[in-house]
Structure formats: structure tokens, C-alpha cells
């Protein structure tokens, strides 16, 4: 189960990918959500640990959605 803030970050990633056809950077997610990059980074790491997304460490635009969030 995700927290509300984790779910918001997940949905921002999902929306960005649907709109652009590629994954967002942490900075782009932070801009969408009007928050700081560190906060986004922390939540992305939790989403990855919980198996909702995957990333390639040190590479930009590598976020992939692995499973849907329970609505």
C-alpha cells in the first residue's frame, strides 16, 4: 500500500509517460508537483522498493512502470 504522497508521485510519472511517450526526470516530476527534487527522489526510491516502478541508477529517463496502483 502506498501513502498519498507516494501515490501522487506515481500518478505524476504515469501521466508524464502517457503525455510524452518517455519517462520524466526527477526535476520534471518536482516541477509538476511543485515540490523539491529530493522529496521526489525519496518517493521514487520507495516506489521502486515496493515494486511499482524500476529505474536504472545514474541514468535519466529510465523510470518504468511495473504495476498499477490500487485505486
Protein backbone atom coordinates (compact mmCIF):
# COMPACT_ATOMS: atom_id res chain seq x y z
CA UNK A 1 0.00 0.00 0.00
CA UNK A 2 1.26 3.45 -0.89
CA UNK A 3 1.00 6.66 1.08
CA UNK A 4 -0.94 9.51 -0.50
CA UNK A 5 2.29 11.34 -1.43
CA UNK A 6 3.82 8.21 -2.97
CA UNK A 7 0.64 7.69 -4.97
CA UNK A 8 0.74 11.30 -6.20
CA UNK A 9 4.33 10.85 -7.42
CA UNK A 10 3.37 7.56 -9.10
CA UNK A 11 0.43 9.23 -10.85
CA UNK A 12 2.63 12.13 -12.00
CA UNK A 13 5.07 9.63 -13.55
CA UNK A 14 2.23 7.71 -15.18
CA UNK A 15 0.67 10.92 -16.57
CA UNK A 16 4.00 12.20 -17.92
CA UNK A 17 4.73 8.92 -19.72
CA UNK A 18 1.24 8.90 -21.29
CA UNK A 19 1.64 12.54 -22.43
CA UNK A 20 5.20 12.38 -23.75
CA UNK A 21 5.93 8.74 -24.52
CA UNK A 22 9.03 8.68 -22.30
CA UNK A 23 9.71 8.88 -18.58
CA UNK A 24 10.22 12.13 -16.68
CA UNK A 25 13.33 13.27 -14.87
CA UNK A 26 13.15 13.85 -11.11
CA UNK A 27 13.31 17.58 -11.80
CA UNK A 28 10.32 17.38 -14.15
CA UNK A 29 8.31 15.45 -11.56
CA UNK A 30 9.21 18.04 -8.92
CA UNK A 31 8.09 20.83 -11.25
CA UNK A 32 4.76 19.11 -11.95
CA UNK A 33 4.14 18.64 -8.22
CA UNK A 34 5.65 21.95 -7.14
CA UNK A 35 8.00 20.31 -4.64
CA UNK A 36 11.73 19.75 -4.21
CA UNK A 37 13.74 17.18 -6.16
CA UNK A 38 14.97 15.42 -3.00
CA UNK A 39 11.41 14.70 -1.94
CA UNK A 40 10.66 13.23 -5.38
CA UNK A 41 13.86 11.15 -5.28
CA UNK A 42 12.94 9.69 -1.87
CA UNK A 43 9.45 8.74 -3.02
CA UNK A 44 10.72 7.25 -6.29
CA UNK A 45 13.10 5.05 -4.29
CA UNK A 46 10.20 3.81 -2.13
CA UNK A 47 8.09 3.14 -5.23
CA UNK A 48 10.96 1.11 -6.64
CA UNK A 49 11.48 -0.81 -3.37
CA UNK A 50 7.77 -1.68 -3.34
CA UNK A 51 7.94 -2.94 -6.94
CA UNK A 52 5.72 -0.33 -8.61
CA UNK A 53 8.45 1.11 -10.82
CA UNK A 54 12.02 0.40 -11.88
CA UNK A 55 14.88 2.78 -12.62
CA UNK A 56 18.47 2.49 -13.77
CA UNK A 57 20.70 4.16 -11.20
CA UNK A 58 22.55 7.21 -12.52
CA UNK A 59 20.63 7.36 -15.79
CA UNK A 60 17.94 9.88 -16.69
CA UNK A 61 14.55 8.98 -18.15
CA UNK A 62 14.74 5.34 -17.09
CA UNK A 63 11.64 5.11 -14.89
CA UNK A 64 9.39 2.25 -15.97
CA UNK A 65 6.02 1.40 -14.51
CA UNK A 66 5.88 -2.25 -13.44
CA UNK A 67 2.44 -2.50 -11.85
CA UNK A 68 -0.66 -0.41 -11.34
CA UNK A 69 -1.52 1.34 -8.12
CA UNK A 70 -4.63 0.13 -6.36
CA UNK A 71 -7.27 2.80 -6.97
